[in-house]
Amino acid sequence: MNPLWPACWQECRRLAARTTWRSQLWWARRRLCVAERQLGELGWQQADFDPNDRNVRELQTTEQAQARLIFEIAEQKEQIAGHQSDSHTRMVELHQQIAACETDAAQREAHAQRLAQVLEVERARKAAFYLIESDEKTLAADEAALRETRALLQSLREILARDERQNRLELDRLQTDLKTLEAQLNQLQQKKATHFAHIGHELADVGIAPMNQPGILARVLALRETITDLDFHLDYSLGQSQPVSRPIHLLALALLALLVAGAIFLVLLASGSGLKLLRG
């Protein structure tokens, strides 16, 4: 047997173990951050803290700013709702005026057409001069009124287009301001979570548990112990790998990569994808 094989195999096992421990360590640290943040939030609601502590002062300042932002967001939403309601009422009124003008213009145009037909008949029959003159004056008055109605209708349409454009711009501005306020609130919430994590870390150090959920402290301490154990295993494994020569280390890496690729291929083969790859 090649004397390099046992050392290579041992190093491969250590590499695989360290990879597993590092992934477990990453996940345990994330869970610890969440648990310490929960502990800090629960403890903040129930315990008394030193007002001179930096985290306490910053958390109080953050909560005050958060309360102001929540009030401003509520006002902004109310302003947007009021603007939408007012603009809708204004648009309805303009549409009604335009519809009335269109109806009036249509009626006047129809009446003018009928008068024009009557005049044509009267001229053809050579009716009395006073009849033709009277109808011509009436037709002229109707055409003048029709022009005024059309001018008013055009003016109302321009006002409608202008108001719609202004309302859209104003609504966009209000919604942009609202998104800015919400983004600021989200930043404060993240900052607040950071302070809660610091407070939870301090509470776990002194062993203070919240009264309504005392199990959260036990969870934090258990995760800390898990992280300590994983760090110890990693350090011990790294210490065992230090005397290993570089060629053996590279062979172990190649062997580990080959084993991982084989495991992935077997999984694909079991699911049917591997057969498709082979056939392809």
Protein backbone atom coordinates (compact mmCIF):
# COMPACT_ATOMS: atom_id res chain seq x y z
CA MET A 1 0.00 0.00 0.00
CA ASN A 2 1.23 3.47 -0.80
CA PRO A 3 2.36 5.11 2.51
CA LEU A 4 0.79 8.39 1.39
CA TRP A 5 -2.71 6.91 1.30
CA PRO A 6 -3.44 6.69 5.09
CA ALA A 7 -2.20 10.25 5.68
CA CYS A 8 -4.14 11.50 2.66
CA TRP A 9 -7.30 9.76 3.84
CA GLN A 10 -6.97 11.16 7.37
CA GLU A 11 -6.47 14.67 6.01
CA CYS A 12 -9.48 14.25 3.73
CA ARG A 13 -11.61 13.27 6.73
CA ARG A 14 -10.36 16.29 8.64
CA LEU A 15 -11.18 18.60 5.70
CA ALA A 16 -14.68 17.17 5.42
CA ALA A 17 -15.22 17.53 9.18
CA ARG A 18 -13.99 21.13 9.16
CA THR A 19 -16.30 21.96 6.27
CA THR A 20 -19.23 20.55 8.23
CA TRP A 21 -18.24 22.33 11.42
CA ARG A 22 -17.80 25.67 9.63
CA SER A 23 -21.31 25.44 8.16
CA GLN A 24 -22.70 24.49 11.58
CA LEU A 25 -20.76 27.35 13.15
CA TRP A 26 -22.11 29.87 10.62
CA TRP A 27 -25.69 28.70 11.26
CA ALA A 28 -25.22 28.65 15.05
CA ARG A 29 -23.89 32.23 15.05
CA ARG A 30 -26.87 33.42 13.05
CA ARG A 31 -29.25 31.69 15.47
CA LEU A 32 -27.33 33.19 18.40
CA CYS A 33 -27.72 36.72 16.94
CA VAL A 34 -31.48 36.19 16.62
CA ALA A 35 -31.75 34.72 20.12
CA GLU A 36 -29.72 37.54 21.71
CA ARG A 37 -31.81 40.11 19.88
CA GLN A 38 -35.01 38.48 21.20
CA LEU A 39 -33.52 38.35 24.70
CA GLY A 40 -32.59 42.02 24.50
CA GLU A 41 -36.04 43.03 23.26
CA LEU A 42 -37.81 41.09 26.02
CA GLY A 43 -35.38 42.32 28.64
CA TRP A 44 -35.72 45.92 27.46
CA GLN A 45 -39.45 45.76 28.10
CA GLN A 46 -39.09 44.37 31.64
CA ALA A 47 -35.72 45.29 33.17
CA ASP A 48 -34.24 48.59 34.34
CA PHE A 49 -31.00 49.64 32.69
CA ASP A 50 -28.31 52.17 33.45
CA PRO A 51 -29.33 55.39 31.65
CA ASN A 52 -25.64 56.25 31.19
CA ASP A 53 -24.99 53.13 29.12
CA ARG A 54 -24.25 53.98 25.49
CA ASN A 55 -26.53 51.27 24.05
CA VAL A 56 -29.36 52.31 26.36
CA ARG A 57 -29.06 55.98 25.36
CA GLU A 58 -28.87 55.16 21.66
CA LEU A 59 -31.83 52.78 21.91
CA GLN A 60 -33.94 55.43 23.67
CA THR A 61 -32.99 57.96 20.99
CA THR A 62 -33.83 55.44 18.26
CA GLU A 63 -37.24 54.69 19.78
CA GLN A 64 -38.05 58.41 20.00
CA ALA A 65 -37.05 58.92 16.36
CA GLN A 66 -39.04 55.83 15.40
CA ALA A 67 -42.15 57.19 17.16
CA ARG A 68 -41.81 60.51 15.29
CA LEU A 69 -41.41 58.71 11.97
CA ILE A 70 -44.46 56.52 12.62
CA PHE A 71 -46.50 59.67 13.30
CA GLU A 72 -45.13 61.36 10.14
CA ILE A 73 -45.90 58.26 8.06
CA ALA A 74 -49.48 58.21 9.37
CA GLU A 75 -49.84 61.91 8.50
CA GLN A 76 -48.34 61.32 5.05
CA LYS A 77 -50.75 58.47 4.36
CA GLU A 78 -53.65 60.63 5.50
CA GLN A 79 -52.43 63.45 3.22
CA ILE A 80 -52.22 61.04 0.28
CA ALA A 81 -55.73 59.74 0.96
CA GLY A 82 -57.06 63.31 1.21
CA HIS A 83 -55.29 64.32 -2.00
CA GLN A 84 -56.70 61.30 -3.84
CA SER A 85 -60.20 62.03 -2.54
CA ASP A 86 -60.03 65.75 -3.46
CA SER A 87 -58.58 65.04 -6.90
CA HIS A 88 -61.23 62.39 -7.55
CA THR A 89 -64.00 64.84 -6.59
CA ARG A 90 -62.45 67.53 -8.80
CA MET A 91 -62.12 65.12 -11.74
CA VAL A 92 -65.75 64.00 -11.36
CA GLU A 93 -66.93 67.62 -11.39
CA LEU A 94 -64.88 68.43 -14.49
CA HIS A 95 -66.11 65.31 -16.29
CA GLN A 96 -69.70 66.29 -15.45
CA GLN A 97 -69.17 69.83 -16.76
CA ILE A 98 -67.58 68.47 -19.94
CA ALA A 99 -70.43 66.02 -20.44
CA ALA A 100 -72.98 68.84 -19.98
CA CYS A 101 -71.10 71.06 -22.45
CA GLU A 102 -70.89 68.23 -24.98
CA THR A 103 -74.63 67.63 -24.67
CA ASP A 104 -75.38 71.35 -25.04
CA ALA A 105 -73.05 71.63 -28.04
CA ALA A 106 -74.68 68.62 -29.69
CA GLN A 107 -78.16 70.08 -29.17
CA ARG A 108 -77.14 73.50 -30.49
CA GLU A 109 -75.45 71.94 -33.51
CA ALA A 110 -78.54 69.87 -34.26
CA HIS A 111 -80.78 72.95 -33.93
CA ALA A 112 -78.46 74.98 -36.18
CA GLN A 113 -78.57 72.23 -38.82
CA ARG A 114 -82.37 72.19 -38.73
CA LEU A 115 -82.50 76.00 -39.09
CA ALA A 116 -80.06 75.81 -42.01
CA GLN A 117 -82.34 73.27 -43.71
CA VAL A 118 -85.39 75.49 -43.10
CA LEU A 119 -83.55 78.47 -44.63
CA GLU A 120 -82.65 76.45 -47.69
CA VAL A 121 -86.31 75.49 -48.12
CA GLU A 122 -87.48 79.08 -47.61
CA ARG A 123 -84.97 80.42 -50.15
CA ALA A 124 -85.96 77.76 -52.62
CA ARG A 125 -89.64 78.66 -52.22
CA LYS A 126 -88.80 82.40 -52.25
CA ALA A 127 -90.61 82.93 -48.98
CA ALA A 128 -91.20 86.33 -47.44
CA PHE A 129 -88.10 88.38 -46.70
CA TYR A 130 -88.92 88.85 -42.99
CA LEU A 131 -89.14 85.05 -42.51
CA ILE A 132 -85.73 84.47 -44.09
CA GLU A 133 -84.17 87.37 -42.16
CA SER A 134 -85.60 86.12 -38.86
CA ASP A 135 -84.32 82.59 -39.39
CA GLU A 136 -80.89 83.91 -40.48
CA LYS A 137 -80.63 85.97 -37.27
CA THR A 138 -81.65 82.94 -35.18
CA LEU A 139 -79.13 80.74 -37.00
CA ALA A 140 -76.35 83.32 -36.48
CA ALA A 141 -77.17 83.52 -32.78
CA ASP A 142 -77.18 79.73 -32.50
CA GLU A 143 -73.84 79.45 -34.31
CA ALA A 144 -72.32 82.12 -32.02
CA ALA A 145 -73.62 80.26 -28.95
CA LEU A 146 -72.28 77.01 -30.40
CA ARG A 147 -68.83 78.57 -30.84
CA GLU A 148 -68.89 79.78 -27.25
CA THR A 149 -69.94 76.33 -26.04
CA ARG A 150 -67.16 74.69 -28.03
CA ALA A 151 -64.64 77.21 -26.68
CA LEU A 152 -65.83 76.47 -23.13
CA LEU A 153 -65.61 72.75 -23.84
CA GLN A 154 -62.04 73.10 -25.10
CA SER A 155 -61.12 75.16 -22.04
CA LEU A 156 -62.61 72.54 -19.70
CA ARG A 157 -60.68 69.77 -21.47
CA GLU A 158 -57.44 71.72 -21.09
CA ILE A 159 -58.18 72.30 -17.40
CA LEU A 160 -58.91 68.60 -16.99
CA ALA A 161 -55.62 67.59 -18.65
CA ARG A 162 -53.67 70.14 -16.59
CA ASP A 163 -55.29 69.05 -13.31
CA GLU A 164 -54.70 65.37 -14.09
CA ARG A 165 -51.02 66.10 -14.79
CA GLN A 166 -50.63 68.17 -11.62
CA ASN A 167 -52.47 65.60 -9.51
CA ARG A 168 -50.27 62.83 -10.86
CA LEU A 169 -47.09 64.80 -10.11
CA GLU A 170 -48.29 65.70 -6.64
CA LEU A 171 -49.29 62.12 -5.90
CA ASP A 172 -45.88 60.88 -7.12
CA ARG A 173 -44.18 63.40 -4.84
CA LEU A 174 -46.25 62.37 -1.83
CA GLN A 175 -45.64 58.67 -2.47
CA THR A 176 -41.90 59.30 -2.89
CA ASP A 177 -41.85 61.13 0.44
CA LEU A 178 -43.76 58.23 1.99
CA LYS A 179 -41.24 55.69 0.66
CA THR A 180 -38.41 57.83 2.04
CA LEU A 181 -40.02 57.90 5.47
CA GLU A 182 -40.64 54.15 5.38
CA ALA A 183 -37.00 53.55 4.39
CA GLN A 184 -35.85 55.70 7.31
CA LEU A 185 -38.16 53.75 9.61
CA ASN A 186 -36.73 50.47 8.35
CA GLN A 187 -33.18 51.73 8.98
CA LEU A 188 -34.16 52.70 12.52
CA GLN A 189 -35.69 49.26 13.03
CA GLN A 190 -32.43 47.61 11.93
CA LYS A 191 -30.45 49.93 14.18
CA LYS A 192 -32.82 49.10 17.01
CA ALA A 193 -32.29 45.37 16.40
CA THR A 194 -28.52 45.92 16.70
CA HIS A 195 -28.98 47.64 20.07
CA PHE A 196 -31.28 44.85 21.24
CA ALA A 197 -28.59 42.32 20.29
CA HIS A 198 -26.01 44.20 22.42
CA ILE A 199 -28.41 44.38 25.36
CA GLY A 200 -29.26 40.69 25.00
CA HIS A 201 -25.55 39.87 24.96
CA GLU A 202 -25.09 41.77 28.23
CA LEU A 203 -28.14 40.12 29.82
CA ALA A 204 -26.82 36.68 28.86
CA ASP A 205 -23.41 37.54 30.34
CA VAL A 206 -24.96 38.25 33.75
CA GLY A 207 -27.58 35.49 33.44
CA ILE A 208 -30.75 37.64 33.58
CA ALA A 209 -33.79 36.01 31.95
CA PRO A 210 -37.07 37.74 31.05
CA MET A 211 -39.95 36.80 33.34
CA ASN A 212 -42.48 35.92 30.63
CA GLN A 213 -40.04 33.83 28.51
CA PRO A 214 -37.18 32.57 30.70
CA GLY A 215 -36.34 29.83 28.17
CA ILE A 216 -34.79 32.36 25.79
CA LEU A 217 -31.78 32.74 28.12
CA ALA A 218 -31.24 28.98 28.14
CA ARG A 219 -31.34 28.98 24.34
CA VAL A 220 -28.69 31.73 24.15
CA LEU A 221 -26.42 29.92 26.60
CA ALA A 222 -26.86 26.61 24.74
CA LEU A 223 -25.96 28.26 21.43
CA ARG A 224 -22.90 29.86 23.00
CA GLU A 225 -21.80 26.45 24.26
CA THR A 226 -22.35 24.96 20.80
CA ILE A 227 -20.24 27.69 19.20
CA THR A 228 -17.50 27.16 21.77
CA ASP A 229 -17.44 23.41 21.06
CA LEU A 230 -17.33 23.96 17.30
CA ASP A 231 -14.49 26.48 17.65
CA PHE A 232 -12.58 23.98 19.79
CA HIS A 233 -13.05 21.18 17.23
CA LEU A 234 -11.94 23.47 14.41
CA ASP A 235 -8.84 24.63 16.26
CA TYR A 236 -7.93 21.07 17.23
CA SER A 237 -8.41 19.83 13.65
CA LEU A 238 -6.33 22.69 12.26
CA GLY A 239 -3.62 21.83 14.75
CA GLN A 240 -3.60 18.23 13.54
CA SER A 241 -3.33 19.39 9.91
CA GLN A 242 -0.33 21.66 10.48
CA PRO A 243 2.32 18.88 10.26
CA VAL A 244 0.78 17.58 7.01
CA SER A 245 2.87 18.32 3.94
CA ARG A 246 1.46 20.39 1.11
CA PRO A 247 1.31 17.52 -1.45
CA ILE A 248 -0.75 15.39 0.95
CA HIS A 249 -3.01 18.37 1.65
CA LEU A 250 -3.58 18.92 -2.08
CA LEU A 251 -4.26 15.21 -2.63
CA ALA A 252 -6.75 15.28 0.23
CA LEU A 253 -8.51 18.27 -1.33
CA ALA A 254 -8.70 16.48 -4.67
CA LEU A 255 -10.04 13.33 -3.00
CA LEU A 256 -12.66 15.33 -1.12
CA ALA A 257 -13.75 17.08 -4.33
CA LEU A 258 -13.99 13.71 -6.07
CA LEU A 259 -16.12 12.27 -3.26
CA VAL A 260 -18.46 15.30 -3.30
CA ALA A 261 -18.81 15.11 -7.10
CA GLY A 262 -19.56 11.38 -6.85
CA ALA A 263 -22.19 11.96 -4.19
CA ILE A 264 -23.86 14.66 -6.31
CA PHE A 265 -23.83 12.36 -9.32
CA LEU A 266 -25.44 9.54 -7.32
CA VAL A 267 -28.16 11.90 -6.14
CA LEU A 268 -28.81 13.02 -9.71
CA LEU A 269 -28.77 9.43 -10.86
CA ALA A 270 -31.34 8.47 -8.24
CA SER A 271 -33.60 11.35 -9.34
CA GLY A 272 -33.34 10.44 -13.04
CA SER A 273 -31.32 13.50 -14.11
CA GLY A 274 -28.11 11.45 -14.23
CA LEU A 275 -29.60 9.09 -16.81
CA LYS A 276 -30.46 12.04 -19.01
CA LEU A 277 -26.88 13.32 -18.72
CA LEU A 278 -25.48 9.92 -19.68
CA ARG A 279 -27.82 9.58 -22.63
CA GLY A 280 -27.09 13.13 -23.73
